[in-house]
Structures are given as structure tokens and as C-alpha cells.
Protein backbone atom coordinates (compact mmCIF):
# COMPACT_ATOMS: atom_id res chain seq x y z
CA MET A 1 0.00 0.00 0.00
CA THR A 2 1.35 3.42 -0.88
CA VAL A 3 2.03 6.16 1.67
CA VAL A 4 -0.62 8.35 0.06
CA ARG A 5 -3.24 5.57 0.37
CA MET A 6 -2.34 4.83 4.02
CA CYS A 7 -2.55 8.51 4.92
CA LYS A 8 -5.94 8.83 3.24
CA ILE A 9 -7.36 5.82 5.11
CA SER A 10 -5.89 7.02 8.44
CA HIS A 11 -7.01 10.64 7.90
CA VAL A 12 -3.53 12.06 8.50
CA SER A 13 -1.35 14.21 6.28
CA ARG A 14 1.84 12.93 4.70
CA ALA A 15 3.79 15.43 6.78
CA THR A 16 2.45 13.81 9.97
CA PHE A 17 3.29 10.35 8.64
CA TYR A 18 6.89 11.25 7.86
CA ARG A 19 7.31 13.03 11.18
CA PHE A 20 6.30 10.04 13.33
CA SER A 21 6.99 6.98 11.20
CA PRO A 22 10.08 5.09 12.50
CA GLU A 23 10.68 3.72 9.00
CA ALA A 24 10.56 7.07 7.25
CA GLY A 25 13.86 8.54 6.23
CA PRO A 26 14.95 11.94 7.52
CA GLU A 27 15.44 13.26 4.02
CA ASP A 28 11.87 14.21 3.06
CA ARG A 29 12.50 17.54 1.36
CA ASP A 30 8.93 18.73 1.84
CA LEU A 31 8.55 18.02 5.56
CA ASP A 32 9.37 21.48 6.93
CA LEU A 33 7.65 23.15 3.99
CA ARG A 34 4.50 21.11 4.60
CA ASP A 35 4.51 22.20 8.24
CA GLU A 36 4.73 25.84 7.22
CA ILE A 37 2.03 25.49 4.57
CA GLN A 38 -0.29 23.83 7.08
CA ARG A 39 0.28 26.67 9.57
CA ILE A 40 -0.58 29.24 6.89
CA ALA A 41 -3.62 27.25 5.74
CA LEU A 42 -4.92 27.07 9.31
CA GLU A 43 -4.43 30.79 9.89
CA PHE A 44 -5.83 31.86 6.51
CA ARG A 45 -8.40 29.19 5.70
CA PHE A 46 -9.39 30.58 2.32
CA TYR A 47 -5.95 31.33 0.91
CA GLY A 48 -5.31 29.60 -2.38
CA ARG A 49 -2.02 28.70 -4.02
CA PRO A 50 -0.94 32.26 -5.05
CA ARG A 51 -1.42 33.83 -1.61
CA ILE A 52 0.12 30.88 0.24
CA THR A 53 3.14 31.08 -2.07
CA ALA A 54 3.41 34.81 -1.41
CA GLU A 55 3.08 34.33 2.35
CA LEU A 56 5.82 31.67 2.26
CA GLY A 57 8.07 34.22 0.56
CA ARG A 58 7.34 36.74 3.31
CA ARG A 59 8.39 34.09 5.85
CA GLY A 60 11.73 33.46 4.16
CA TRP A 61 10.90 30.54 1.89
CA THR A 62 11.92 30.38 -1.76
CA VAL A 63 9.49 27.95 -3.35
CA ASN A 64 7.84 27.48 -6.74
CA HIS A 65 4.05 27.93 -6.87
CA LYS A 66 3.69 24.54 -8.61
CA ARG A 67 5.36 22.83 -5.66
CA VAL A 68 3.02 24.63 -3.28
CA GLY A 69 0.03 23.57 -5.37
CA ARG A 70 1.17 19.94 -5.34
CA ILE A 71 1.48 19.91 -1.54
CA LEU A 72 -1.91 21.58 -1.14
CA ARG A 73 -3.52 18.89 -3.29
CA GLU A 74 -1.71 16.03 -1.56
CA ASP A 75 -2.62 17.29 1.91
CA ASN A 76 -6.19 18.20 0.92
CA LEU A 77 -5.70 21.85 1.83
CA LEU A 78 -7.26 23.45 -1.25
CA CYS A 79 -10.02 25.83 -0.16
CA LEU A 80 -13.64 25.43 -1.24
CA ARG A 81 -16.19 28.11 -2.07
CA ARG A 82 -19.80 28.12 -0.88
CA ARG A 83 -22.78 29.16 -2.94
CA LYS A 84 -24.10 32.51 -1.83
CA PHE A 85 -27.59 33.30 -0.57
CA VAL A 86 -28.55 36.84 -1.52
CA VAL A 87 -30.58 39.32 0.52
CA ALA A 88 -31.40 42.62 -1.18
CA THR A 89 -29.74 45.61 0.51
CA THR A 90 -30.06 48.21 -2.28
CA ASP A 91 -33.28 50.13 -2.88
CA SER A 92 -32.81 52.35 -5.93
CA ASN A 93 -36.52 53.05 -6.38
CA HIS A 94 -36.62 56.52 -4.88
CA LYS A 95 -37.01 60.12 -6.02
CA LEU A 96 -33.87 61.42 -4.37
CA ARG A 97 -31.11 62.97 -6.47
CA VAL A 98 -28.83 60.50 -8.27
CA TYR A 99 -25.30 61.70 -8.95
CA PRO A 100 -23.19 60.90 -12.06
CA ASN A 101 -20.47 58.28 -12.04
CA LEU A 102 -17.17 60.11 -11.54
CA ALA A 103 -15.11 57.15 -10.35
CA GLY A 104 -14.40 55.70 -13.79
CA ALA A 105 -12.55 58.84 -14.89
CA ILE A 106 -10.25 58.98 -11.84
CA GLU A 107 -6.67 57.77 -12.29
CA LEU A 108 -5.63 56.83 -8.77
CA THR A 109 -2.13 57.79 -7.64
CA GLY A 110 -2.52 57.61 -3.86
CA ILE A 111 -4.81 57.10 -0.90
CA ASP A 112 -7.75 59.36 0.01
CA GLN A 113 -8.59 60.11 -3.61
CA LEU A 114 -11.49 57.67 -4.01
CA TRP A 115 -13.57 56.13 -1.23
CA ILE A 116 -16.06 53.39 -2.08
CA ALA A 117 -19.02 52.36 0.04
CA ASP A 118 -21.46 49.47 0.13
CA ILE A 119 -23.83 47.51 2.39
CA THR A 120 -24.25 43.75 2.81
CA TYR A 121 -26.21 41.42 5.07
CA ILE A 122 -24.91 39.09 7.80
CA ARG A 123 -27.01 36.11 8.84
CA LEU A 124 -27.33 35.34 12.56
CA GLU A 125 -29.14 32.38 14.12
CA THR A 126 -32.56 34.06 14.13
CA GLU A 127 -32.22 37.30 12.16
CA PHE A 128 -30.29 39.29 9.60
CA VAL A 129 -28.05 42.24 10.44
CA TYR A 130 -26.40 44.64 8.02
CA LEU A 131 -22.83 45.82 7.53
CA ALA A 132 -21.95 49.16 5.92
CA VAL A 133 -18.34 49.73 4.90
CA VAL A 134 -16.16 52.45 3.39
CA LEU A 135 -12.92 51.42 1.63
CA ASP A 136 -10.02 53.39 0.24
CA ALA A 137 -9.97 52.32 -3.41
CA TYR A 138 -6.19 52.73 -3.77
CA SER A 139 -5.05 50.71 -0.75
CA ARG A 140 -8.16 48.47 -0.39
CA ARG A 141 -8.15 49.32 3.34
CA VAL A 142 -11.45 49.34 5.22
CA ILE A 143 -11.47 52.81 6.78
CA GLY A 144 -15.02 52.84 8.13
CA TRP A 145 -17.67 50.29 9.02
CA GLU A 146 -20.82 49.81 11.09
CA LEU A 147 -23.00 46.78 11.90
CA ASP A 148 -26.63 47.03 12.98
CA ARG A 149 -30.08 45.51 12.67
CA HIS A 150 -31.56 48.12 10.32
CA LEU A 151 -31.02 49.47 6.80
CA GLU A 152 -31.68 53.11 7.58
CA ASP A 153 -29.25 55.77 6.37
CA ASP A 154 -27.89 56.03 9.94
CA LEU A 155 -26.07 52.74 9.28
CA ALA A 156 -24.15 54.14 6.31
CA ILE A 157 -23.62 57.48 8.05
CA ALA A 158 -21.96 55.79 11.03
CA ALA A 159 -19.49 54.02 8.71
CA LEU A 160 -18.78 57.29 6.90
CA LYS A 161 -18.17 59.14 10.17
CA MET A 162 -15.63 56.52 11.21
CA ALA A 163 -13.81 57.02 7.90
CA LEU A 164 -13.83 60.80 8.39
CA ARG A 165 -12.45 60.50 11.92
CA ARG A 166 -9.67 58.18 10.81
CA ARG A 167 -8.58 59.93 7.61
CA LYS A 168 -9.48 63.62 8.12
CA PRO A 169 -9.44 64.42 4.38
CA ARG A 170 -9.00 67.95 3.08
CA PRO A 171 -11.97 69.51 1.22
CA GLY A 172 -11.88 68.70 -2.48
CA GLU A 173 -9.48 65.81 -1.96
CA VAL A 174 -11.84 62.80 -1.96
CA THR A 175 -14.50 61.44 -4.28
CA HIS A 176 -17.04 59.15 -2.60
CA HIS A 177 -18.51 56.39 -4.77
CA SER A 178 -21.50 54.15 -3.99
CA ASP A 179 -24.54 52.59 -5.60
CA GLN A 180 -27.78 54.52 -5.99
CA GLY A 181 -29.32 53.05 -2.84
CA VAL A 182 -31.60 55.22 -0.74
CA GLN A 183 -29.11 55.17 2.15
CA TYR A 184 -26.42 56.87 0.03
CA ALA A 185 -28.82 59.21 -1.77
CA SER A 186 -30.47 60.43 1.44
CA HIS A 187 -30.26 64.11 2.29
CA ASP A 188 -28.41 63.40 5.54
CA TYR A 189 -25.74 61.28 3.84
CA THR A 190 -25.14 63.50 0.84
CA GLY A 191 -25.31 66.54 3.10
CA LEU A 192 -22.50 65.18 5.28
CA LEU A 193 -20.37 64.51 2.20
CA GLN A 194 -20.96 68.02 0.89
CA GLN A 195 -20.26 69.51 4.31
CA GLN A 196 -16.85 67.83 4.25
CA GLY A 197 -16.05 68.97 0.72
CA ILE A 198 -16.27 65.43 -0.72
CA ARG A 199 -17.41 64.91 -4.32
CA ILE A 200 -20.29 62.46 -4.82
CA SER A 201 -20.23 59.67 -7.39
CA MET A 202 -22.76 56.87 -7.95
CA SER A 203 -22.78 53.68 -10.01
CA ARG A 204 -24.99 53.26 -13.00
CA ARG A 205 -28.25 51.63 -12.05
CA GLY A 206 -28.09 47.84 -11.94
CA ASN A 207 -24.36 47.73 -12.75
CA PRO A 208 -22.37 46.08 -9.90
CA TYR A 209 -19.13 46.29 -11.88
CA ASP A 210 -18.99 50.03 -11.21
CA ASN A 211 -18.32 49.20 -7.56
CA ALA A 212 -16.28 46.04 -8.13
CA THR A 213 -13.64 46.73 -5.45
CA CYS A 214 -16.24 46.93 -2.70
CA GLU A 215 -18.03 43.87 -4.08
CA SER A 216 -14.70 42.03 -3.91
CA PHE A 217 -14.29 42.93 -0.24
CA MET A 218 -17.81 41.74 0.56
CA LYS A 219 -17.07 38.42 -1.15
CA THR A 220 -13.85 38.04 0.84
CA LEU A 221 -15.67 38.87 4.09
CA LYS A 222 -18.37 36.28 3.43
CA TYR A 223 -16.04 33.45 2.41
CA GLU A 224 -13.21 34.03 4.87
CA GLU A 225 -15.18 35.15 7.94
CA VAL A 226 -18.98 34.95 7.88
CA TYR A 227 -19.51 31.49 6.36
CA GLY A 228 -17.13 29.92 8.87
CA GLN A 229 -18.91 31.36 11.91
CA GLN A 230 -22.16 30.85 13.79
CA TYR A 231 -22.78 34.19 15.46
CA ARG A 232 -24.95 34.01 18.56
CA ASP A 233 -26.20 37.58 18.39
CA LEU A 234 -25.36 41.08 17.16
CA SER A 235 -22.70 41.62 19.82
CA ASP A 236 -20.95 38.38 18.94
CA ALA A 237 -21.06 39.21 15.22
CA ARG A 238 -19.72 42.72 15.80
CA ALA A 239 -16.75 41.49 17.83
CA SER A 240 -15.84 38.78 15.33
CA ILE A 241 -16.22 41.02 12.26
CA GLU A 242 -14.22 43.77 13.93
CA ARG A 243 -11.41 41.28 14.53
CA PHE A 244 -11.50 40.15 10.90
CA ILE A 245 -11.52 43.67 9.45
CA GLU A 246 -8.95 45.26 11.74
CA LYS A 247 -6.67 42.35 12.65
CA VAL A 248 -6.83 40.18 9.53
CA TYR A 249 -8.08 41.98 6.41
CA ASN A 250 -6.40 45.35 6.99
CA SER A 251 -3.33 44.08 8.84
CA LYS A 252 -2.40 40.58 7.65
CA ARG A 253 -4.32 39.41 4.57
CA LEU A 254 -2.26 39.58 1.38
CA HIS A 255 -3.80 41.40 -1.59
CA SER A 256 -2.66 40.47 -5.08
CA SER A 257 -3.45 43.99 -6.34
CA LEU A 258 -1.04 45.41 -3.72
CA GLY A 259 1.87 43.17 -4.65
CA TYR A 260 0.78 40.58 -2.07
CA ARG A 261 0.92 42.98 0.86
CA PRO A 262 -1.73 43.86 3.48
CA PRO A 263 -3.39 47.29 3.09
CA ILE A 264 -1.80 48.85 6.19
CA GLU A 265 1.68 47.70 5.16
CA PHE A 266 1.04 48.97 1.63
CA GLU A 267 -0.03 52.39 2.91
CA ARG A 268 3.06 52.65 5.12
CA SER A 269 5.25 51.98 2.08
CA LEU A 270 3.83 54.98 0.21
CA PRO A 271 5.74 58.28 0.11
CA VAL A 272 4.40 60.86 2.54
CA PRO A 273 2.52 63.49 0.51
CA PRO A 274 3.51 67.14 0.94
CA SER A 275 1.42 69.22 3.30
CA PHE A 276 -0.44 72.10 1.64
CA PRO A 277 -2.34 74.78 3.54
CA SER A 278 -6.02 74.42 2.83
CA GLN A 279 -9.44 74.92 4.33
CA GLN A 280 -10.05 72.44 7.14
CA PRO A 281 -13.07 70.15 6.92
CA GLN A 282 -15.95 71.01 9.21
CA GLN A 283 -16.14 69.19 12.52
CA VAL A 284 -18.01 65.88 12.31
CA THR A 285 -20.65 65.51 15.00
CA ILE A 286 -20.42 62.03 16.47
């Protein structure tokens, strides 16, 4: 019987077999690498071959992505995707003002040029709750978020206020992009943006590709955090999602669009922009 067959029947990895088998030779070239790959796969459950290869490089390994893929297949560590269940969070049937799409014409050269916002649902044991987020489009960093039981504009406003507190943008510096949902078109939300000197941009109706970066974050959140949890209540969900956003997504998760670096590390690598005297944004009432 082959080693692969014995490991499959015994439900152990080949790395474990070689580590404890008295007949196994000490020369298994993949033993230490398998250990490291398993540690990464346990910490980042939904990393595939490219991100695991990149993370190995950050930890001092020089390894070909094909070798990583082979070990992932042999040790049954390839991640699986779940089918999504969709709850509508966007209501575009309103008579509020809809703003033109400015985001497509912006050539990003740094942070705090384009913020993107969206809302998604989170399923608890007995109810749905809703998460509003604001991301910096250049660094992919989540700069504002709020979780609550309702879909009123207060949810989106709370996430926006967090972003304003953290970034303190100068008037005229940022364009804010969202869908045409009633939360983002409301007088209170657009009024706060205008008060802070932020330009307003909205996606074309029924076109999710206009806000693809935010959609990508929501997909990552669902697959790498939400689907692996069973939140007891709103408080439990808030604590777990806060940990994922602040401690994992922003701080540790590798992004292919950032050269396989986390958003915070990517932002710290950017040159410090010069400071120009300008009108200060109005104070945000919390």
C-alpha cells in the first residue's frame, strides 16, 4: 500500500506520517515546507495557491508555486467556495437625487482620492443584520464600518463618520462612490459629504461592476469570515467582524493587487505626501 493511500485511510497528512513513522527517512525535502504550509492554511483558511506562495516568501521561503500547489492537493488543503444566498440591501426606487459616475474617470495615484461604500447582510441564528463599509480604493483598506439591525441611512452614516475621523481628508481631496441606494442618496448622507467637501459619485443603475472593489471585499468577508462562523447575536457578530476587518483583512491578509501585501503595510510603504495649507473640513458631530 502506498504512503498516500495509508494517509488517506488514516485521515492524517503525509507530513504527519513522515514526522512520526520510524521507517521514514529523515530526508523528506517537503517536511518542513508542509509544516509551514499547514500553519498558513490554518491561519488563513481561504488562501489559495498564489497567496500561500506569497506568504511563504514573506516568511523566508523560496518555493515554486507549482510545488506549493502539489502539496496543497496532496494534503487536501485546497479551499472550497460556498454558494451565496442573496438578501437585497439596495433600494434604488426613490425620487432622491442620483449623482453621475465620476469614479471611472479617476486615475488613482494615492490614498484618500477615491472612497467606495457598500452595504451587505450578515445572517445570525434568528435574524439578519447589516454591515456598511467604506474602503479606500487605492489601498483596499477598510477605513469605516458599522454593523446594525436596520437598513436606515444612519447605518451608512456611522461608517462614513468613522472614515472621516480616521482619515481627516482635506476639502476637495476625496470622491465618494456608492450605488444609488436610498441610504447613500439620502439628504443626511449627501449633506454630510458636501459639508466635508467630498465629491459624490454613484454607479450606473443595476451595474455592480462600477463598484467592483467593494463587491470584492464583501465576497472576501463572506467566504473568509462569515460562512465559517455561527454568530450568537449582534454583539458576537460585531466582535468577530471587527477582529476580521482590523486584525486580519487590513493588517495581515495579502492582496494580489497590492503586490501581495496587506493594506496597512502597503499604505506605510507609500511616500508621505507634501502638506499644503487648505481649508479644514468642518467638525463631524459624532
